[in-house]
Amino acid sequence: MRSFLLFLHLSAVIIWLGGMFFAHFFLRPAAAEQLPPAQRLPLLAAILGSFFKTVTFAIVILLVSGFARMGMTGFAQAPLHWHLMSAIGLLMTTIFALIYLFHYPQLKSAVAAQAWEPAGAAMNRIRRLVWVNLCLGALTVAVATLGPLFAA
């Protein structure tokens, strides 16, 4: 069961972090270079809508699998780096919720109204928060993989 939970956990991490990395470093810059706002922003809004639904599912899997593994070990007995991973993961989840529930609806509304300046501003806020989550995600991976070295 622990191995299966770890498989689910790592799969969800890969989906979330890999998707953010791809969107931030490849998709958005290429779209910005190739497409005017009237084409780029509706495309990005549509892609983000699909991606955010998948990320929501991945976050549920992350939280359930992570806390299930901690519960099997015992929260008090869980290594310190597991608690740190949990705290960073909850912060990342909060930032994602801010993006999905506040900034993404602003992007969608502005795109629907063909208001490209507000849509671009909303996209820029999303981009900055994704960058923060990417940094936090990298930190979490470092804590997960290097944390045991500091516990010894």
Protein backbone atom coordinates (compact mmCIF):
# COMPACT_ATOMS: atom_id res chain seq x y z
CA MET A 1 0.00 0.00 0.00
CA ARG A 2 2.85 2.42 0.82
CA SER A 3 4.37 1.86 -2.61
CA PHE A 4 1.05 2.47 -4.35
CA LEU A 5 0.52 5.68 -2.38
CA LEU A 6 4.04 6.81 -3.27
CA PHE A 7 3.33 6.04 -6.95
CA LEU A 8 0.15 8.15 -6.82
CA HIS A 9 1.96 10.93 -4.98
CA LEU A 10 4.87 11.12 -7.40
CA SER A 11 2.58 10.89 -10.44
CA ALA A 12 0.58 13.87 -9.19
CA VAL A 13 3.79 15.83 -8.52
CA ILE A 14 5.03 15.12 -12.04
CA ILE A 15 1.74 16.23 -13.59
CA TRP A 16 1.57 19.47 -11.58
CA LEU A 17 5.20 20.55 -11.69
CA GLY A 18 5.80 19.30 -15.23
CA GLY A 19 2.72 21.10 -16.50
CA MET A 20 3.71 24.35 -14.82
CA PHE A 21 7.26 24.06 -16.14
CA PHE A 22 6.06 23.42 -19.70
CA ALA A 23 3.48 26.22 -19.63
CA HIS A 24 5.81 28.76 -18.03
CA PHE A 25 8.98 28.15 -20.01
CA PHE A 26 7.70 26.90 -23.38
CA LEU A 27 4.00 27.38 -24.13
CA ARG A 28 3.44 30.95 -22.96
CA PRO A 29 6.67 32.38 -24.43
CA ALA A 30 6.05 30.71 -27.80
CA ALA A 31 2.44 31.88 -27.85
CA ALA A 32 3.54 35.43 -26.93
CA GLU A 33 6.09 35.41 -29.73
CA GLN A 34 3.83 33.91 -32.41
CA LEU A 35 0.32 35.18 -31.67
CA PRO A 36 -1.29 38.58 -31.10
CA PRO A 37 -3.27 39.01 -27.85
CA ALA A 38 -6.62 38.38 -29.58
CA GLN A 39 -5.44 34.87 -30.48
CA ARG A 40 -2.96 34.15 -27.67
CA LEU A 41 -5.13 34.98 -24.66
CA PRO A 42 -8.18 32.86 -25.65
CA LEU A 43 -5.82 29.97 -26.43
CA LEU A 44 -4.02 30.25 -23.08
CA ALA A 45 -7.32 30.62 -21.20
CA ALA A 46 -8.64 27.43 -22.81
CA ILE A 47 -5.44 25.50 -22.12
CA LEU A 48 -5.29 26.71 -18.53
CA GLY A 49 -8.92 25.70 -17.97
CA SER A 50 -8.16 22.11 -18.93
CA PHE A 51 -4.86 22.09 -17.06
CA PHE A 52 -6.38 23.53 -13.89
CA LYS A 53 -9.02 20.78 -13.78
CA THR A 54 -6.25 18.19 -14.00
CA VAL A 55 -4.19 20.01 -11.36
CA THR A 56 -7.19 20.08 -9.03
CA PHE A 57 -7.41 16.29 -9.31
CA ALA A 58 -3.62 15.97 -8.87
CA ILE A 59 -3.74 18.10 -5.71
CA VAL A 60 -6.44 15.89 -4.23
CA ILE A 61 -4.28 12.83 -5.01
CA LEU A 62 -1.22 14.57 -3.50
CA LEU A 63 -2.99 15.50 -0.29
CA VAL A 64 -4.71 12.16 0.18
CA SER A 65 -1.64 10.07 -0.64
CA GLY A 66 0.74 12.27 1.36
CA PHE A 67 -1.37 12.42 4.49
CA ALA A 68 -2.25 8.72 4.18
CA ARG A 69 1.48 7.87 4.15
CA MET A 70 2.06 10.16 7.14
CA GLY A 71 -0.87 8.58 8.94
CA MET A 72 0.48 5.09 8.33
CA THR A 73 3.79 6.15 9.85
CA GLY A 74 2.18 8.23 12.57
CA PHE A 75 2.20 12.00 12.30
CA ALA A 76 4.39 12.39 15.39
CA GLN A 77 6.85 9.78 14.10
CA ALA A 78 6.98 11.12 10.54
CA PRO A 79 10.36 12.60 9.63
CA LEU A 80 10.72 16.37 9.88
CA HIS A 81 11.18 16.73 6.11
CA TRP A 82 7.75 15.12 5.55
CA HIS A 83 6.19 17.84 7.69
CA LEU A 84 8.12 20.48 5.76
CA MET A 85 6.93 18.97 2.46
CA SER A 86 3.36 19.09 3.76
CA ALA A 87 3.65 22.73 4.77
CA ILE A 88 5.11 23.78 1.41
CA GLY A 89 2.53 21.67 -0.42
CA LEU A 90 -0.31 23.33 1.47
CA LEU A 91 1.15 26.75 0.62
CA MET A 92 1.35 25.72 -3.05
CA THR A 93 -2.26 24.53 -2.88
CA THR A 94 -3.31 27.90 -1.46
CA ILE A 95 -1.52 29.73 -4.26
CA PHE A 96 -3.16 27.44 -6.83
CA ALA A 97 -6.57 28.14 -5.27
CA LEU A 98 -5.86 31.88 -5.57
CA ILE A 99 -5.01 31.43 -9.24
CA TYR A 100 -7.93 29.14 -10.05
CA LEU A 101 -10.64 30.87 -8.04
CA PHE A 102 -9.64 34.51 -8.47
CA HIS A 103 -7.23 35.26 -11.31
CA TYR A 104 -8.37 32.64 -13.81
CA PRO A 105 -12.03 33.80 -13.72
CA GLN A 106 -10.75 37.36 -14.35
CA LEU A 107 -8.82 36.07 -17.36
CA LYS A 108 -11.85 34.19 -18.70
CA SER A 109 -14.17 37.19 -18.24
CA ALA A 110 -11.75 39.56 -19.93
CA VAL A 111 -11.22 37.14 -22.82
CA ALA A 112 -15.00 36.70 -23.23
CA ALA A 113 -15.35 40.51 -23.37
CA GLN A 114 -12.38 40.72 -25.76
CA ALA A 115 -10.77 43.13 -23.30
CA TRP A 116 -7.18 42.26 -24.12
CA GLU A 117 -5.43 44.63 -21.71
CA PRO A 118 -7.20 43.29 -18.58
CA ALA A 119 -6.87 39.76 -19.94
CA GLY A 120 -3.13 40.27 -20.37
CA ALA A 121 -2.86 41.70 -16.85
CA ALA A 122 -4.69 38.68 -15.41
CA MET A 123 -2.45 36.34 -17.41
CA ASN A 124 0.60 38.15 -16.07
CA ARG A 125 -0.61 37.72 -12.47
CA ILE A 126 -1.17 34.02 -13.15
CA ARG A 127 2.30 33.75 -14.69
CA ARG A 128 3.95 35.30 -11.61
CA LEU A 129 2.08 33.02 -9.21
CA VAL A 130 2.93 29.97 -11.32
CA TRP A 131 6.59 31.04 -11.06
CA VAL A 132 6.26 31.17 -7.26
CA ASN A 133 4.68 27.71 -7.24
CA LEU A 134 7.42 26.38 -9.52
CA CYS A 135 10.06 27.62 -7.07
CA LEU A 136 8.16 26.15 -4.13
CA GLY A 137 7.75 22.89 -6.05
CA ALA A 138 11.49 22.72 -6.69
CA LEU A 139 12.11 23.38 -3.00
CA THR A 140 9.67 20.59 -2.10
CA VAL A 141 11.46 18.14 -4.40
CA ALA A 142 14.77 19.16 -2.79
CA VAL A 143 13.33 18.64 0.69
CA ALA A 144 11.86 15.28 -0.34
CA THR A 145 15.07 13.97 -1.82
CA LEU A 146 17.71 15.66 0.35
CA GLY A 147 15.78 15.90 3.64
CA PRO A 148 16.84 12.45 4.85
CA LEU A 149 20.51 13.50 4.51
CA PHE A 150 20.03 16.21 7.13
CA ALA A 151 18.09 14.00 9.54
CA ALA A 152 21.03 11.67 10.13
